[in-house]
Amino acid sequence: MKSNARLAEVPEEGLDGFKLEEFLPYQLSVTANTVSRLFAKRYAEEYGLSIPEWRVLVVVGRFGTASPSMVSEWAAMDKVKVSRAAATLVARGLLKQTQDPADGRARLLRLTRKGVSVHQGAVPLAQEIEAQLANGLSRSEWSALQKSLTRLTAHVHELGVGEEGSEE
């Protein structure tokens, strides 16, 4: 959302009575993008990672071995974005890509030693940033926010949305 100075310039409501800044999908999008920029800045500074690369790295780290499709599902990322991020991580020596023994056409991703090292540093950084975000709310507000987001995500899935390619 805009800074307080810019909000002062915004009319009480739009021509149609619609207040965009109070519309939940808009609020979620703006908040997610703002938080992502905060994470992106820190990951780029500390590890040279983009947000898609970070997401691929942590999903693979979470499971040890993961297919690109699994990463796409868990990270709520488009498969093309997963593929590009994985290729970059392979080129940087952070991921190793192998054929799936159960399906020779499919690929599996796993962290290299260097990838494990980056993962072990990047996860605490993420937790540090999350703690900084949490400091903006009381404990009960933070807990309620997490529960509400989990319930809202589940409800969106019940509506049949958010299954694949749910990002952007």
C-alpha atoms as a PDB file:
ATOM      1  CA  MET A   1       0.000   0.000   0.000  1.00  0.00           C
ATOM      2  CA  LYS A   2       0.998   3.580  -0.291  1.00  0.00           C
ATOM      3  CA  SER A   3       2.798   5.554   2.379  1.00  0.00           C
ATOM      4  CA  ASN A   4       0.688   7.581   4.797  1.00  0.00           C
ATOM      5  CA  ALA A   5       1.464  10.777   2.864  1.00  0.00           C
ATOM      6  CA  ARG A   6       0.137   9.198  -0.334  1.00  0.00           C
ATOM      7  CA  LEU A   7      -2.933   7.789   1.426  1.00  0.00           C
ATOM      8  CA  ALA A   8      -3.917  11.333   2.399  1.00  0.00           C
ATOM      9  CA  GLU A   9      -4.361  12.062  -1.321  1.00  0.00           C
ATOM     10  CA  VAL A  10      -6.729   9.121  -1.849  1.00  0.00           C
ATOM     11  CA  PRO A  11     -10.444   9.977  -1.872  1.00  0.00           C
ATOM     12  CA  GLU A  12     -12.606   8.456   0.878  1.00  0.00           C
ATOM     13  CA  GLU A  13     -13.952   5.991  -1.681  1.00  0.00           C
ATOM     14  CA  GLY A  14     -13.729   5.436  -5.409  1.00  0.00           C
ATOM     15  CA  LEU A  15     -16.270   6.582  -7.978  1.00  0.00           C
ATOM     16  CA  ASP A  16     -18.103   3.296  -7.541  1.00  0.00           C
ATOM     17  CA  GLY A  17     -17.904   3.250  -3.720  1.00  0.00           C
ATOM     18  CA  PHE A  18     -15.232   0.549  -3.891  1.00  0.00           C
ATOM     19  CA  LYS A  19     -12.259   0.906  -1.548  1.00  0.00           C
ATOM     20  CA  LEU A  20      -9.450  -1.033  -3.177  1.00  0.00           C
ATOM     21  CA  GLU A  21      -7.215  -0.722  -0.101  1.00  0.00           C
ATOM     22  CA  GLU A  22      -9.845  -2.614   1.957  1.00  0.00           C
ATOM     23  CA  PHE A  23     -10.337  -5.392  -0.624  1.00  0.00           C
ATOM     24  CA  LEU A  24      -8.816  -8.575   0.834  1.00  0.00           C
ATOM     25  CA  PRO A  25      -7.284  -9.971  -2.385  1.00  0.00           C
ATOM     26  CA  TYR A  26      -5.584  -6.610  -2.949  1.00  0.00           C
ATOM     27  CA  GLN A  27      -4.348  -6.485   0.666  1.00  0.00           C
ATOM     28  CA  LEU A  28      -2.996 -10.042   0.448  1.00  0.00           C
ATOM     29  CA  SER A  29      -1.234  -9.336  -2.842  1.00  0.00           C
ATOM     30  CA  VAL A  30       0.334  -6.077  -1.675  1.00  0.00           C
ATOM     31  CA  THR A  31       1.433  -7.617   1.628  1.00  0.00           C
ATOM     32  CA  ALA A  32       2.861 -10.726  -0.055  1.00  0.00           C
ATOM     33  CA  ASN A  33       4.752  -8.633  -2.606  1.00  0.00           C
ATOM     34  CA  THR A  34       6.117  -6.297   0.061  1.00  0.00           C
ATOM     35  CA  VAL A  35       7.262  -9.183   2.264  1.00  0.00           C
ATOM     36  CA  SER A  36       8.759 -10.935  -0.785  1.00  0.00           C
ATOM     37  CA  ARG A  37      10.787  -7.826  -1.613  1.00  0.00           C
ATOM     38  CA  LEU A  38      12.126  -7.790   1.957  1.00  0.00           C
ATOM     39  CA  PHE A  39      13.120 -11.462   1.699  1.00  0.00           C
ATOM     40  CA  ALA A  40      14.503 -11.017  -1.829  1.00  0.00           C
ATOM     41  CA  LYS A  41      16.771  -8.181  -0.743  1.00  0.00           C
ATOM     42  CA  ARG A  42      18.225 -10.199   2.136  1.00  0.00           C
ATOM     43  CA  TYR A  43      18.613 -13.446   0.135  1.00  0.00           C
ATOM     44  CA  ALA A  44      20.294 -11.597  -2.703  1.00  0.00           C
ATOM     45  CA  GLU A  45      22.678  -9.823  -0.308  1.00  0.00           C
ATOM     46  CA  GLU A  46      23.562 -12.894   1.757  1.00  0.00           C
ATOM     47  CA  TYR A  47      23.352 -15.770  -0.727  1.00  0.00           C
ATOM     48  CA  GLY A  48      22.798 -14.366  -4.205  1.00  0.00           C
ATOM     49  CA  LEU A  49      19.433 -16.143  -4.344  1.00  0.00           C
ATOM     50  CA  SER A  50      16.242 -14.959  -6.002  1.00  0.00           C
ATOM     51  CA  ILE A  51      12.887 -15.742  -4.400  1.00  0.00           C
ATOM     52  CA  PRO A  52      12.145 -18.601  -6.854  1.00  0.00           C
ATOM     53  CA  GLU A  53      15.626 -20.057  -6.214  1.00  0.00           C
ATOM     54  CA  TRP A  54      15.093 -19.802  -2.445  1.00  0.00           C
ATOM     55  CA  ARG A  55      11.721 -21.552  -2.712  1.00  0.00           C
ATOM     56  CA  VAL A  56      13.161 -24.413  -4.762  1.00  0.00           C
ATOM     57  CA  LEU A  57      16.115 -24.733  -2.383  1.00  0.00           C
ATOM     58  CA  VAL A  58      13.956 -24.934   0.760  1.00  0.00           C
ATOM     59  CA  VAL A  59      11.421 -27.359  -0.700  1.00  0.00           C
ATOM     60  CA  VAL A  60      14.185 -29.709  -1.850  1.00  0.00           C
ATOM     61  CA  GLY A  61      15.864 -29.260   1.542  1.00  0.00           C
ATOM     62  CA  ARG A  62      12.598 -30.069   3.308  1.00  0.00           C
ATOM     63  CA  PHE A  63      12.185 -33.401   1.516  1.00  0.00           C
ATOM     64  CA  GLY A  64      15.764 -34.366   0.654  1.00  0.00           C
ATOM     65  CA  THR A  65      14.772 -35.303  -2.886  1.00  0.00           C
ATOM     66  CA  ALA A  66      11.965 -33.724  -4.875  1.00  0.00           C
ATOM     67  CA  SER A  67      10.685 -33.718  -8.420  1.00  0.00           C
ATOM     68  CA  PRO A  68      10.149 -30.353 -10.108  1.00  0.00           C
ATOM     69  CA  SER A  69       6.387 -31.064 -10.029  1.00  0.00           C
ATOM     70  CA  MET A  70       6.516 -31.599  -6.289  1.00  0.00           C
ATOM     71  CA  VAL A  71       8.459 -28.353  -5.851  1.00  0.00           C
ATOM     72  CA  SER A  72       5.903 -26.565  -8.017  1.00  0.00           C
ATOM     73  CA  GLU A  73       3.066 -27.823  -5.846  1.00  0.00           C
ATOM     74  CA  TRP A  74       4.713 -27.155  -2.477  1.00  0.00           C
ATOM     75  CA  ALA A  75       6.102 -23.733  -3.397  1.00  0.00           C
ATOM     76  CA  ALA A  76       2.946 -22.670  -5.285  1.00  0.00           C
ATOM     77  CA  MET A  77       5.150 -21.849  -8.263  1.00  0.00           C
ATOM     78  CA  ASP A  78       4.621 -22.172 -11.981  1.00  0.00           C
ATOM     79  CA  LYS A  79       6.510 -25.198 -13.372  1.00  0.00           C
ATOM     80  CA  VAL A  80       8.476 -23.024 -15.809  1.00  0.00           C
ATOM     81  CA  LYS A  81       9.688 -20.834 -12.940  1.00  0.00           C
ATOM     82  CA  VAL A  82      10.679 -23.949 -10.962  1.00  0.00           C
ATOM     83  CA  SER A  83      12.587 -25.276 -13.970  1.00  0.00           C
ATOM     84  CA  ARG A  84      14.473 -22.004 -14.467  1.00  0.00           C
ATOM     85  CA  ALA A  85      15.301 -21.645 -10.773  1.00  0.00           C
ATOM     86  CA  ALA A  86      16.424 -25.287 -10.566  1.00  0.00           C
ATOM     87  CA  ALA A  87      18.646 -24.855 -13.637  1.00  0.00           C
ATOM     88  CA  THR A  88      20.288 -21.821 -12.024  1.00  0.00           C
ATOM     89  CA  LEU A  89      20.814 -23.706  -8.756  1.00  0.00           C
ATOM     90  CA  VAL A  90      22.303 -26.677 -10.645  1.00  0.00           C
ATOM     91  CA  ALA A  91      24.643 -24.315 -12.530  1.00  0.00           C
ATOM     92  CA  ARG A  92      25.717 -22.768  -9.208  1.00  0.00           C
ATOM     93  CA  GLY A  93      26.416 -26.201  -7.753  1.00  0.00           C
ATOM     94  CA  LEU A  94      23.663 -25.972  -5.120  1.00  0.00           C
ATOM     95  CA  LEU A  95      21.421 -28.673  -6.592  1.00  0.00           C
ATOM     96  CA  LYS A  96      22.076 -31.944  -8.343  1.00  0.00           C
ATOM     97  CA  GLN A  97      19.597 -33.175 -10.920  1.00  0.00           C
ATOM     98  CA  THR A  98      19.260 -36.903 -11.632  1.00  0.00           C
ATOM     99  CA  GLN A  99      16.877 -39.177 -13.494  1.00  0.00           C
ATOM    100  CA  ASP A 100      14.083 -40.708 -11.475  1.00  0.00           C
ATOM    101  CA  PRO A 101      14.819 -44.467 -11.336  1.00  0.00           C
ATOM    102  CA  ALA A 102      11.068 -45.157 -11.341  1.00  0.00           C
ATOM    103  CA  ASP A 103      10.518 -43.030 -14.467  1.00  0.00           C
ATOM    104  CA  GLY A 104      13.511 -42.403 -16.720  1.00  0.00           C
ATOM    105  CA  ARG A 105      11.841 -39.332 -18.224  1.00  0.00           C
ATOM    106  CA  ALA A 106      11.313 -37.627 -14.868  1.00  0.00           C
ATOM    107  CA  ARG A 107      13.955 -35.694 -12.951  1.00  0.00           C
ATOM    108  CA  LEU A 108      14.756 -35.544  -9.263  1.00  0.00           C
ATOM    109  CA  LEU A 109      16.441 -32.688  -7.443  1.00  0.00           C
ATOM    110  CA  ARG A 110      18.590 -32.894  -4.331  1.00  0.00           C
ATOM    111  CA  LEU A 111      20.904 -30.526  -2.513  1.00  0.00           C
ATOM    112  CA  THR A 112      24.643 -30.805  -3.052  1.00  0.00           C
ATOM    113  CA  ARG A 113      27.013 -30.301  -0.107  1.00  0.00           C
ATOM    114  CA  LYS A 114      27.262 -26.662  -1.100  1.00  0.00           C
ATOM    115  CA  GLY A 115      23.457 -26.524  -1.325  1.00  0.00           C
ATOM    116  CA  VAL A 116      23.114 -28.010   2.155  1.00  0.00           C
ATOM    117  CA  SER A 117      25.480 -25.350   3.473  1.00  0.00           C
ATOM    118  CA  VAL A 118      23.491 -22.528   1.852  1.00  0.00           C
ATOM    119  CA  HIS A 119      20.228 -24.089   3.047  1.00  0.00           C
ATOM    120  CA  GLN A 120      21.543 -24.287   6.610  1.00  0.00           C
ATOM    121  CA  GLY A 121      22.305 -20.560   6.512  1.00  0.00           C
ATOM    122  CA  ALA A 122      19.264 -19.438   4.539  1.00  0.00           C
ATOM    123  CA  VAL A 123      16.665 -21.087   6.769  1.00  0.00           C
ATOM    124  CA  PRO A 124      17.794 -19.249   9.924  1.00  0.00           C
ATOM    125  CA  LEU A 125      17.829 -16.020   7.899  1.00  0.00           C
ATOM    126  CA  ALA A 126      14.212 -16.688   6.882  1.00  0.00           C
ATOM    127  CA  GLN A 127      13.313 -17.367  10.504  1.00  0.00           C
ATOM    128  CA  GLU A 128      15.022 -14.138  11.554  1.00  0.00           C
ATOM    129  CA  ILE A 129      13.031 -12.142   8.989  1.00  0.00           C
ATOM    130  CA  GLU A 130       9.834 -13.903  10.060  1.00  0.00           C
ATOM    131  CA  ALA A 131      10.561 -12.959  13.685  1.00  0.00           C
ATOM    132  CA  GLN A 132      11.038  -9.333  12.629  1.00  0.00           C
ATOM    133  CA  LEU A 133       7.657  -9.442  10.902  1.00  0.00           C
ATOM    134  CA  ALA A 134       6.055 -11.070  13.940  1.00  0.00           C
ATOM    135  CA  ASN A 135       7.333  -8.240  16.133  1.00  0.00           C
ATOM    136  CA  GLY A 136       4.797  -5.993  14.401  1.00  0.00           C
ATOM    137  CA  LEU A 137       1.944  -7.975  15.972  1.00  0.00           C
ATOM    138  CA  SER A 138       1.119  -9.342  19.412  1.00  0.00           C
ATOM    139  CA  ARG A 139       1.592 -13.091  19.920  1.00  0.00           C
ATOM    140  CA  SER A 140      -2.145 -13.665  19.764  1.00  0.00           C
ATOM    141  CA  GLU A 141      -2.446 -11.553  16.591  1.00  0.00           C
ATOM    142  CA  TRP A 142       0.428 -13.484  14.970  1.00  0.00           C
ATOM    143  CA  SER A 143      -1.132 -16.813  15.911  1.00  0.00           C
ATOM    144  CA  ALA A 144      -4.540 -15.688  14.649  1.00  0.00           C
ATOM    145  CA  LEU A 145      -2.983 -14.479  11.391  1.00  0.00           C
ATOM    146  CA  GLN A 146      -1.275 -17.828  10.782  1.00  0.00           C
ATOM    147  CA  LYS A 147      -4.449 -19.776  11.573  1.00  0.00           C
ATOM    148  CA  SER A 148      -6.555 -17.472   9.407  1.00  0.00           C
ATOM    149  CA  LEU A 149      -4.188 -17.741   6.445  1.00  0.00           C
ATOM    150  CA  THR A 150      -4.150 -21.542   6.743  1.00  0.00           C
ATOM    151  CA  ARG A 151      -7.955 -21.656   6.830  1.00  0.00           C
ATOM    152  CA  LEU A 152      -8.280 -19.177   3.974  1.00  0.00           C
ATOM    153  CA  THR A 153      -5.842 -21.170   1.819  1.00  0.00           C
ATOM    154  CA  ALA A 154      -7.770 -24.382   2.517  1.00  0.00           C
ATOM    155  CA  HIS A 155     -11.027 -22.629   1.628  1.00  0.00           C
ATOM    156  CA  VAL A 156      -9.590 -21.338  -1.649  1.00  0.00           C
ATOM    157  CA  HIS A 157      -8.601 -24.929  -2.497  1.00  0.00           C
ATOM    158  CA  GLU A 158     -12.153 -26.061  -1.660  1.00  0.00           C
ATOM    159  CA  LEU A 159     -13.393 -23.495  -4.169  1.00  0.00           C
ATOM    160  CA  GLY A 160     -11.247 -25.289  -6.753  1.00  0.00           C
ATOM    161  CA  VAL A 161      -8.696 -22.528  -7.139  1.00  0.00           C
ATOM    162  CA  GLY A 162      -5.025 -22.392  -6.293  1.00  0.00           C
ATOM    163  CA  GLU A 163      -4.200 -25.910  -7.325  1.00  0.00           C
ATOM    164  CA  GLU A 164      -1.565 -25.383 -10.003  1.00  0.00           C
ATOM    165  CA  GLY A 165       0.287 -22.341 -11.225  1.00  0.00           C
ATOM    166  CA  SER A 166      -1.175 -20.434  -8.300  1.00  0.00           C
ATOM    167  CA  GLU A 167       1.544 -17.827  -8.285  1.00  0.00           C
ATOM    168  CA  GLU A 168       1.045 -14.580 -10.172  1.00  0.00           C
END
